[in-house]
Amino acid sequence: MFRRLVRWLGCIVLISLAPVLLKCLDLLWDKKDITRPVLLGDGELFIIACAIAGAGIFETYGLGKLKNVTLTAGIGCFLCSLVTAYAYGRFRYHDHDPLVAANWSMAFFAVTLLAATICVLLGPQAKRR
């Protein structure tokens, strides 16, 4: 299970965070301040959370009976994918405060990451491998 967690965090989550990491490197290169509103104010984490939720949904899809925890996490991933996609559109195109967008995106990213990690570690796809 530990190897699966490391593979999940290293391959999927870290690679999914590439837009934020590259933006951070760009800000460092231009010698600008790296603040939450500047780094996350455009809502990149909403899109990343939506992608991670998709991976969590995939992990719960399969043959076999789902445990209550996995089923709840899978439903959470589905709801997070809907909410984060909607929130990205609202924060990206409706002139909101970047700090508010950054804080909401961080909160949804954390919830989605937790739900998707539960799906990856406990879902039916994990038992097949």
C-alpha atoms as a PDB file:
ATOM      1  CA  MET A   1       0.000   0.000   0.000  1.00  0.00           C
ATOM      2  CA  PHE A   2       2.906   2.343   0.761  1.00  0.00           C
ATOM      3  CA  ARG A   3       4.344   1.826  -2.730  1.00  0.00           C
ATOM      4  CA  ARG A   4       0.974   2.601  -4.241  1.00  0.00           C
ATOM      5  CA  LEU A   5       0.713   5.808  -2.193  1.00  0.00           C
ATOM      6  CA  VAL A   6       4.197   6.926  -3.224  1.00  0.00           C
ATOM      7  CA  ARG A   7       3.435   6.154  -6.873  1.00  0.00           C
ATOM      8  CA  TRP A   8       0.124   8.057  -6.637  1.00  0.00           C
ATOM      9  CA  LEU A   9       1.656  11.124  -5.006  1.00  0.00           C
ATOM     10  CA  GLY A  10       4.806  11.104  -7.119  1.00  0.00           C
ATOM     11  CA  CYS A  11       3.450  10.303 -10.548  1.00  0.00           C
ATOM     12  CA  ILE A  12      -0.084  11.640 -10.586  1.00  0.00           C
ATOM     13  CA  VAL A  13      -0.263  14.431  -8.018  1.00  0.00           C
ATOM     14  CA  LEU A  14       3.196  15.917  -8.525  1.00  0.00           C
ATOM     15  CA  ILE A  15       2.937  15.823 -12.313  1.00  0.00           C
ATOM     16  CA  SER A  16      -0.555  17.330 -12.101  1.00  0.00           C
ATOM     17  CA  LEU A  17       0.879  20.214 -10.102  1.00  0.00           C
ATOM     18  CA  ALA A  18       3.276  21.052 -12.954  1.00  0.00           C
ATOM     19  CA  PRO A  19       1.419  24.260 -13.990  1.00  0.00           C
ATOM     20  CA  VAL A  20       1.710  25.676 -10.477  1.00  0.00           C
ATOM     21  CA  LEU A  21       5.326  24.573 -10.112  1.00  0.00           C
ATOM     22  CA  LEU A  22       6.266  26.077 -13.479  1.00  0.00           C
ATOM     23  CA  LYS A  23       4.507  29.323 -12.596  1.00  0.00           C
ATOM     24  CA  CYS A  24       6.490  29.384  -9.354  1.00  0.00           C
ATOM     25  CA  LEU A  25       9.733  28.915 -11.285  1.00  0.00           C
ATOM     26  CA  ASP A  26       8.696  31.675 -13.683  1.00  0.00           C
ATOM     27  CA  LEU A  27       8.073  34.047 -10.776  1.00  0.00           C
ATOM     28  CA  LEU A  28      11.447  33.137  -9.296  1.00  0.00           C
ATOM     29  CA  TRP A  29      13.113  33.712 -12.659  1.00  0.00           C
ATOM     30  CA  ASP A  30      11.534  37.174 -12.935  1.00  0.00           C
ATOM     31  CA  LYS A  31      12.468  37.864  -9.294  1.00  0.00           C
ATOM     32  CA  LYS A  32       8.865  38.613  -8.329  1.00  0.00           C
ATOM     33  CA  ASP A  33       7.261  37.942  -4.993  1.00  0.00           C
ATOM     34  CA  ILE A  34       5.626  34.540  -4.708  1.00  0.00           C
ATOM     35  CA  THR A  35       2.396  35.098  -2.862  1.00  0.00           C
ATOM     36  CA  ARG A  36      -0.748  33.018  -2.740  1.00  0.00           C
ATOM     37  CA  PRO A  37      -2.828  35.438  -4.859  1.00  0.00           C
ATOM     38  CA  VAL A  38      -0.116  35.685  -7.512  1.00  0.00           C
ATOM     39  CA  LEU A  39       0.653  31.969  -7.621  1.00  0.00           C
ATOM     40  CA  LEU A  40      -2.865  30.515  -7.271  1.00  0.00           C
ATOM     41  CA  GLY A  41      -5.166  33.455  -8.015  1.00  0.00           C
ATOM     42  CA  ASP A  42      -5.994  32.311 -11.552  1.00  0.00           C
ATOM     43  CA  GLY A  43      -7.606  29.113 -10.296  1.00  0.00           C
ATOM     44  CA  GLU A  44      -5.137  26.555 -11.600  1.00  0.00           C
ATOM     45  CA  LEU A  45      -5.731  24.349  -8.576  1.00  0.00           C
ATOM     46  CA  PHE A  46      -9.412  24.049  -9.532  1.00  0.00           C
ATOM     47  CA  ILE A  47      -8.437  22.395 -12.813  1.00  0.00           C
ATOM     48  CA  ILE A  48      -5.808  20.228 -11.140  1.00  0.00           C
ATOM     49  CA  ALA A  49      -8.340  19.142  -8.507  1.00  0.00           C
ATOM     50  CA  CYS A  50     -10.799  18.236 -11.257  1.00  0.00           C
ATOM     51  CA  ALA A  51      -8.167  16.041 -12.939  1.00  0.00           C
ATOM     52  CA  ILE A  52      -7.246  14.362  -9.662  1.00  0.00           C
ATOM     53  CA  ALA A  53     -10.934  13.755  -8.954  1.00  0.00           C
ATOM     54  CA  GLY A  54     -11.157  12.006 -12.330  1.00  0.00           C
ATOM     55  CA  ALA A  55      -8.340   9.682 -11.324  1.00  0.00           C
ATOM     56  CA  GLY A  56     -10.127   8.947  -8.060  1.00  0.00           C
ATOM     57  CA  ILE A  57     -13.359   8.211  -9.899  1.00  0.00           C
ATOM     58  CA  PHE A  58     -11.499   5.791 -12.181  1.00  0.00           C
ATOM     59  CA  GLU A  59     -10.080   3.958  -9.190  1.00  0.00           C
ATOM     60  CA  THR A  60     -13.550   3.371  -7.739  1.00  0.00           C
ATOM     61  CA  TYR A  61     -14.942   2.136 -11.039  1.00  0.00           C
ATOM     62  CA  GLY A  62     -14.617  -1.610 -11.299  1.00  0.00           C
ATOM     63  CA  LEU A  63     -16.123  -4.921 -10.499  1.00  0.00           C
ATOM     64  CA  GLY A  64     -16.714  -5.716  -6.909  1.00  0.00           C
ATOM     65  CA  LYS A  65     -18.600  -4.395  -3.992  1.00  0.00           C
ATOM     66  CA  LEU A  66     -17.532  -1.019  -2.671  1.00  0.00           C
ATOM     67  CA  LYS A  67     -17.016  -0.415   1.003  1.00  0.00           C
ATOM     68  CA  ASN A  68     -18.828   2.535   2.532  1.00  0.00           C
ATOM     69  CA  VAL A  69     -15.626   4.569   2.852  1.00  0.00           C
ATOM     70  CA  THR A  70     -14.634   3.997  -0.769  1.00  0.00           C
ATOM     71  CA  LEU A  71     -18.146   4.660  -2.046  1.00  0.00           C
ATOM     72  CA  THR A  72     -18.320   7.909  -0.089  1.00  0.00           C
ATOM     73  CA  ALA A  73     -14.890   8.956  -1.356  1.00  0.00           C
ATOM     74  CA  GLY A  74     -15.903   8.131  -4.943  1.00  0.00           C
ATOM     75  CA  ILE A  75     -19.067  10.204  -4.638  1.00  0.00           C
ATOM     76  CA  GLY A  76     -16.943  12.957  -3.081  1.00  0.00           C
ATOM     77  CA  CYS A  77     -14.591  12.858  -6.068  1.00  0.00           C
ATOM     78  CA  PHE A  78     -17.531  13.109  -8.450  1.00  0.00           C
ATOM     79  CA  LEU A  79     -19.005  16.076  -6.586  1.00  0.00           C
ATOM     80  CA  CYS A  80     -15.588  17.740  -6.342  1.00  0.00           C
ATOM     81  CA  SER A  81     -15.095  17.417 -10.083  1.00  0.00           C
ATOM     82  CA  LEU A  82     -18.401  19.183 -10.715  1.00  0.00           C
ATOM     83  CA  VAL A  83     -17.839  21.903  -8.140  1.00  0.00           C
ATOM     84  CA  THR A  84     -14.237  22.613  -9.101  1.00  0.00           C
ATOM     85  CA  ALA A  85     -15.083  22.867 -12.794  1.00  0.00           C
ATOM     86  CA  TYR A  86     -17.887  25.292 -11.998  1.00  0.00           C
ATOM     87  CA  ALA A  87     -15.744  27.270  -9.545  1.00  0.00           C
ATOM     88  CA  TYR A  88     -12.946  27.621 -12.091  1.00  0.00           C
ATOM     89  CA  GLY A  89     -15.360  29.236 -14.519  1.00  0.00           C
ATOM     90  CA  ARG A  90     -16.751  31.554 -11.852  1.00  0.00           C
ATOM     91  CA  PHE A  91     -13.404  32.668 -10.467  1.00  0.00           C
ATOM     92  CA  ARG A  92     -11.590  32.814 -13.776  1.00  0.00           C
ATOM     93  CA  TYR A  93     -14.058  34.859 -15.775  1.00  0.00           C
ATOM     94  CA  HIS A  94     -15.985  36.897 -13.197  1.00  0.00           C
ATOM     95  CA  ASP A  95     -13.425  39.394 -11.871  1.00  0.00           C
ATOM     96  CA  HIS A  96     -12.970  38.017  -8.353  1.00  0.00           C
ATOM     97  CA  ASP A  97     -10.309  38.791  -5.817  1.00  0.00           C
ATOM     98  CA  PRO A  98      -7.271  36.547  -6.522  1.00  0.00           C
ATOM     99  CA  LEU A  99      -6.790  35.854  -2.804  1.00  0.00           C
ATOM    100  CA  VAL A 100     -10.341  34.503  -2.531  1.00  0.00           C
ATOM    101  CA  ALA A 101      -9.806  32.335  -5.610  1.00  0.00           C
ATOM    102  CA  ALA A 102      -6.499  31.073  -4.205  1.00  0.00           C
ATOM    103  CA  ASN A 103      -8.016  30.183  -0.834  1.00  0.00           C
ATOM    104  CA  TRP A 104     -11.045  28.406  -2.308  1.00  0.00           C
ATOM    105  CA  SER A 105      -8.916  26.510  -4.808  1.00  0.00           C
ATOM    106  CA  MET A 106      -6.573  25.353  -2.044  1.00  0.00           C
ATOM    107  CA  ALA A 107      -9.519  24.163   0.044  1.00  0.00           C
ATOM    108  CA  PHE A 108     -11.099  22.229  -2.825  1.00  0.00           C
ATOM    109  CA  PHE A 109      -7.732  20.815  -3.836  1.00  0.00           C
ATOM    110  CA  ALA A 110      -7.175  19.485  -0.302  1.00  0.00           C
ATOM    111  CA  VAL A 111     -10.641  17.887  -0.097  1.00  0.00           C
ATOM    112  CA  THR A 112     -10.316  16.381  -3.567  1.00  0.00           C
ATOM    113  CA  LEU A 113      -6.822  15.071  -2.867  1.00  0.00           C
ATOM    114  CA  LEU A 114      -8.035  13.384   0.310  1.00  0.00           C
ATOM    115  CA  ALA A 115     -11.030  11.765  -1.402  1.00  0.00           C
ATOM    116  CA  ALA A 116      -9.000  10.639  -4.418  1.00  0.00           C
ATOM    117  CA  THR A 117      -6.233   9.211  -2.230  1.00  0.00           C
ATOM    118  CA  ILE A 118      -8.804   7.142  -0.340  1.00  0.00           C
ATOM    119  CA  CYS A 119     -10.163   5.893  -3.681  1.00  0.00           C
ATOM    120  CA  VAL A 120      -6.683   5.002  -4.924  1.00  0.00           C
ATOM    121  CA  LEU A 121      -5.674   3.160  -1.775  1.00  0.00           C
ATOM    122  CA  LEU A 122      -8.941   1.361  -1.029  1.00  0.00           C
ATOM    123  CA  GLY A 123     -10.826   1.138  -4.341  1.00  0.00           C
ATOM    124  CA  PRO A 124     -11.537  -2.021  -6.346  1.00  0.00           C
ATOM    125  CA  GLN A 125      -8.803  -1.182  -8.859  1.00  0.00           C
ATOM    126  CA  ALA A 126      -6.238  -1.299  -6.041  1.00  0.00           C
ATOM    127  CA  LYS A 127      -7.239  -4.883  -5.224  1.00  0.00           C
ATOM    128  CA  ARG A 128      -6.707  -6.053  -8.795  1.00  0.00           C
ATOM    129  CA  ARG A 129      -3.065  -5.070  -8.925  1.00  0.00           C
END
